[in-house]
């Protein structure tokens, strides 16, 4: 019986790997199953075929390895249908027969969590300015003095919040002074 590992939750959801020989799972690109997961160690776990299932070993990872919600402290058995958690990535151990019946266990994103990606609205450079890094006057405000190389990367929303922060601090300090004088 041939076994597969499928990433069912994580940045590479839907990726599968054959489990014909031991597979090292981790963040390192040279791992047998490389994950795009900051919480995974470079060589996080080893999953080896064993009989009709597999053996899962934690390779002294920082965040641990889990099989069906139980942390692995020594080589642990896993059967087809079990979930293995490495970092924040969830893997499913499946047989090729299970994969033939149900091609993928990756579920849709729940509507409450689904959000359309919106590209950031960067401040455009001034036409005819001293170069591509020159900041534009946004919403009639003054040009921003700062690091020109970084100014062009500032999102319009971030810039507007950064402009209102000093005013908010001034108003807060003024209220504290008024309250102090009023209570004295």
Protein backbone atom coordinates (compact mmCIF):
# COMPACT_ATOMS: atom_id res chain seq x y z
CA UNK A 1 0.00 0.00 0.00
CA UNK A 2 1.60 3.28 -1.15
CA UNK A 3 1.41 6.27 1.18
CA UNK A 4 1.22 10.00 0.51
CA UNK A 5 1.75 13.09 2.63
CA UNK A 6 -0.53 15.99 1.73
CA UNK A 7 -0.30 19.52 3.11
CA UNK A 8 -3.93 20.27 4.03
CA UNK A 9 -3.37 23.53 5.95
CA UNK A 10 -0.55 25.96 5.39
CA UNK A 11 1.00 28.11 2.70
CA UNK A 12 1.58 25.17 0.34
CA UNK A 13 -1.81 23.49 0.86
CA UNK A 14 -2.47 20.85 -1.76
CA UNK A 15 1.18 19.80 -2.15
CA UNK A 16 1.72 16.05 -1.92
CA UNK A 17 4.81 13.87 -1.49
CA UNK A 18 5.20 10.11 -1.91
CA UNK A 19 6.19 8.27 1.27
CA UNK A 20 8.19 5.41 -0.27
CA UNK A 21 11.27 6.17 1.85
CA UNK A 22 11.88 8.34 4.93
CA UNK A 23 10.92 11.98 4.24
CA UNK A 24 12.47 14.88 6.15
CA UNK A 25 9.97 17.71 6.55
CA UNK A 26 11.18 21.22 7.33
CA UNK A 27 11.73 24.81 6.34
CA UNK A 28 15.08 24.19 4.62
CA UNK A 29 14.74 24.15 0.81
CA UNK A 30 16.86 20.99 0.72
CA UNK A 31 14.34 19.09 2.89
CA UNK A 32 12.47 16.27 1.15
CA UNK A 33 9.22 18.15 1.80
CA UNK A 34 10.13 21.84 2.12
CA UNK A 35 7.57 23.97 3.95
CA UNK A 36 6.95 27.70 3.69
CA UNK A 37 6.37 27.98 7.44
CA UNK A 38 8.31 30.30 9.76
CA UNK A 39 7.35 28.14 12.77
CA UNK A 40 8.95 25.01 11.32
CA UNK A 41 12.60 24.18 11.98
CA UNK A 42 14.99 23.66 9.06
CA UNK A 43 14.86 19.87 9.54
CA UNK A 44 11.75 19.55 11.70
CA UNK A 45 10.56 15.94 11.48
CA UNK A 46 11.22 12.64 9.75
CA UNK A 47 8.30 10.55 8.54
CA UNK A 48 9.15 6.98 7.55
CA UNK A 49 6.92 4.26 6.09
CA UNK A 50 6.35 1.41 8.54
CA UNK A 51 4.02 -1.48 7.74
CA UNK A 52 0.62 -0.09 6.74
CA UNK A 53 1.34 3.32 8.25
CA UNK A 54 4.28 5.50 9.16
CA UNK A 55 6.61 6.42 12.01
CA UNK A 56 6.91 10.12 12.91
CA UNK A 57 10.06 11.41 14.62
CA UNK A 58 10.68 14.94 15.85
CA UNK A 59 14.21 16.05 14.88
CA UNK A 60 14.74 18.25 17.96
CA UNK A 61 12.59 21.00 16.50
CA UNK A 62 11.90 24.23 18.35
CA UNK A 63 8.08 23.99 18.30
CA UNK A 64 7.57 20.23 18.40
CA UNK A 65 5.78 17.78 16.13
CA UNK A 66 2.23 16.56 16.76
CA UNK A 67 0.30 13.49 15.62
CA UNK A 68 -3.48 13.75 16.08
CA UNK A 69 -3.07 16.44 18.73
CA UNK A 70 -0.45 14.55 20.75
CA UNK A 71 3.10 15.87 20.91
CA UNK A 72 5.76 13.44 19.67
CA UNK A 73 8.61 12.85 22.16
CA UNK A 74 9.84 9.56 20.66
CA UNK A 75 9.15 7.82 17.34
CA UNK A 76 5.36 7.62 17.14
CA UNK A 77 3.12 5.57 14.86
CA UNK A 78 0.76 7.24 12.40
CA UNK A 79 -1.94 5.52 10.38
CA UNK A 80 -3.56 6.60 7.12
CA UNK A 81 -6.03 9.38 7.91
CA UNK A 82 -3.92 10.79 10.76
CA UNK A 83 -2.91 14.46 10.92
CA UNK A 84 0.67 15.50 11.54
CA UNK A 85 1.39 19.09 12.59
CA UNK A 86 4.79 20.59 11.81
CA UNK A 87 5.06 24.26 12.85
CA UNK A 88 1.70 25.66 11.75
CA UNK A 89 1.42 23.33 8.76
CA UNK A 90 -0.99 20.38 8.90
CA UNK A 91 -0.10 17.26 6.92
CA UNK A 92 -2.42 14.32 6.27
CA UNK A 93 -1.10 10.78 5.89
CA UNK A 94 -3.09 9.11 3.10
CA UNK A 95 -3.03 5.98 1.01
CA UNK A 96 -3.07 6.22 -2.79
CA UNK A 97 -6.52 4.57 -2.68
CA UNK A 98 -7.82 7.36 -0.42
CA UNK A 99 -6.28 9.93 -2.76
CA UNK A 100 -7.96 8.27 -5.76
CA UNK A 101 -11.39 8.50 -4.07
CA UNK A 102 -10.93 12.03 -2.70
CA UNK A 103 -8.21 13.87 -4.64
CA UNK A 104 -7.49 16.46 -1.93
CA UNK A 105 -8.39 17.06 1.70
CA UNK A 106 -7.74 20.79 1.41
CA UNK A 107 -10.95 22.56 2.37
CA UNK A 108 -12.16 25.93 1.20
CA UNK A 109 -11.42 29.00 3.28
CA UNK A 110 -14.45 29.75 5.48
CA UNK A 111 -16.36 32.82 4.19
CA UNK A 112 -15.75 34.69 7.45
CA UNK A 113 -11.99 34.37 7.00
CA UNK A 114 -11.86 34.86 3.25
CA UNK A 115 -10.75 38.32 2.26
CA UNK A 116 -9.82 39.67 -1.10
CA UNK A 117 -6.20 40.67 -1.29
CA UNK A 118 -5.87 44.36 -1.96
CA UNK A 119 -2.61 45.66 -3.28
CA UNK A 120 -1.03 48.41 -1.20
CA UNK A 121 -1.50 51.93 -2.49
CA UNK A 122 2.01 53.31 -2.51
CA UNK A 123 2.56 57.02 -2.75
CA UNK A 124 3.56 57.81 -6.32
CA UNK A 125 6.76 59.74 -7.02
CA UNK A 126 6.49 63.41 -8.01
CA UNK A 127 6.64 63.88 -11.76
CA UNK A 128 9.89 65.63 -12.66
CA UNK A 129 11.24 65.17 -9.14
CA UNK A 130 14.83 64.31 -8.30
CA UNK A 131 14.32 60.59 -8.92
CA UNK A 132 12.02 57.62 -8.41
CA UNK A 133 12.27 57.92 -4.63
CA UNK A 134 10.89 61.47 -4.38
CA UNK A 135 7.68 61.46 -2.31
CA UNK A 136 4.47 62.93 -3.64
CA UNK A 137 2.30 65.32 -1.73
CA UNK A 138 -0.46 63.00 -0.48
CA UNK A 139 -3.90 64.45 0.22
CA UNK A 140 -2.56 68.00 0.16
CA UNK A 141 -0.12 67.33 2.99
CA UNK A 142 3.51 68.38 3.09
CA UNK A 143 6.22 66.23 1.60
CA UNK A 144 7.60 63.74 4.05
CA UNK A 145 11.14 64.28 5.22
CA UNK A 146 12.87 61.01 5.81
CA UNK A 147 14.81 58.35 4.02
CA UNK A 148 13.97 58.84 0.33
CA UNK A 149 14.68 55.20 -0.50
CA UNK A 150 12.00 54.13 1.98
CA UNK A 151 9.47 56.91 1.39
CA UNK A 152 8.34 55.41 -1.91
CA UNK A 153 7.46 52.17 -0.09
CA UNK A 154 5.17 53.79 2.48
CA UNK A 155 1.53 52.91 2.04
CA UNK A 156 -0.93 55.81 1.84
CA UNK A 157 -2.85 54.53 4.88
CA UNK A 158 0.29 54.21 7.00
CA UNK A 159 1.40 57.69 5.98
CA UNK A 160 -1.94 59.26 6.98
CA UNK A 161 -1.86 57.53 10.38
CA UNK A 162 1.72 58.68 10.92
CA UNK A 163 0.66 62.27 10.27
CA UNK A 164 -2.21 62.20 12.78
CA UNK A 165 -0.21 60.55 15.60
CA UNK A 166 1.61 63.73 16.77
CA UNK A 167 -1.69 65.63 16.87
CA UNK A 168 -3.31 62.86 18.93
CA UNK A 169 -0.39 62.90 21.40
CA UNK A 170 -0.62 66.71 21.69
CA UNK A 171 -4.37 66.55 22.43
CA UNK A 172 -3.81 63.81 25.03
CA UNK A 173 -1.09 65.82 26.81
CA UNK A 174 -3.29 68.95 26.73
CA UNK A 175 -6.18 67.03 28.33
CA UNK A 176 -3.89 65.68 31.06
CA UNK A 177 -2.60 69.20 31.83
CA UNK A 178 -6.17 70.60 31.92
CA UNK A 179 -7.30 67.81 34.27
CA UNK A 180 -4.26 68.29 36.51
CA UNK A 181 -4.82 72.06 36.75
CA UNK A 182 -8.54 71.57 37.27
CA UNK A 183 -8.05 69.12 40.15
CA UNK A 184 -5.32 71.20 41.86
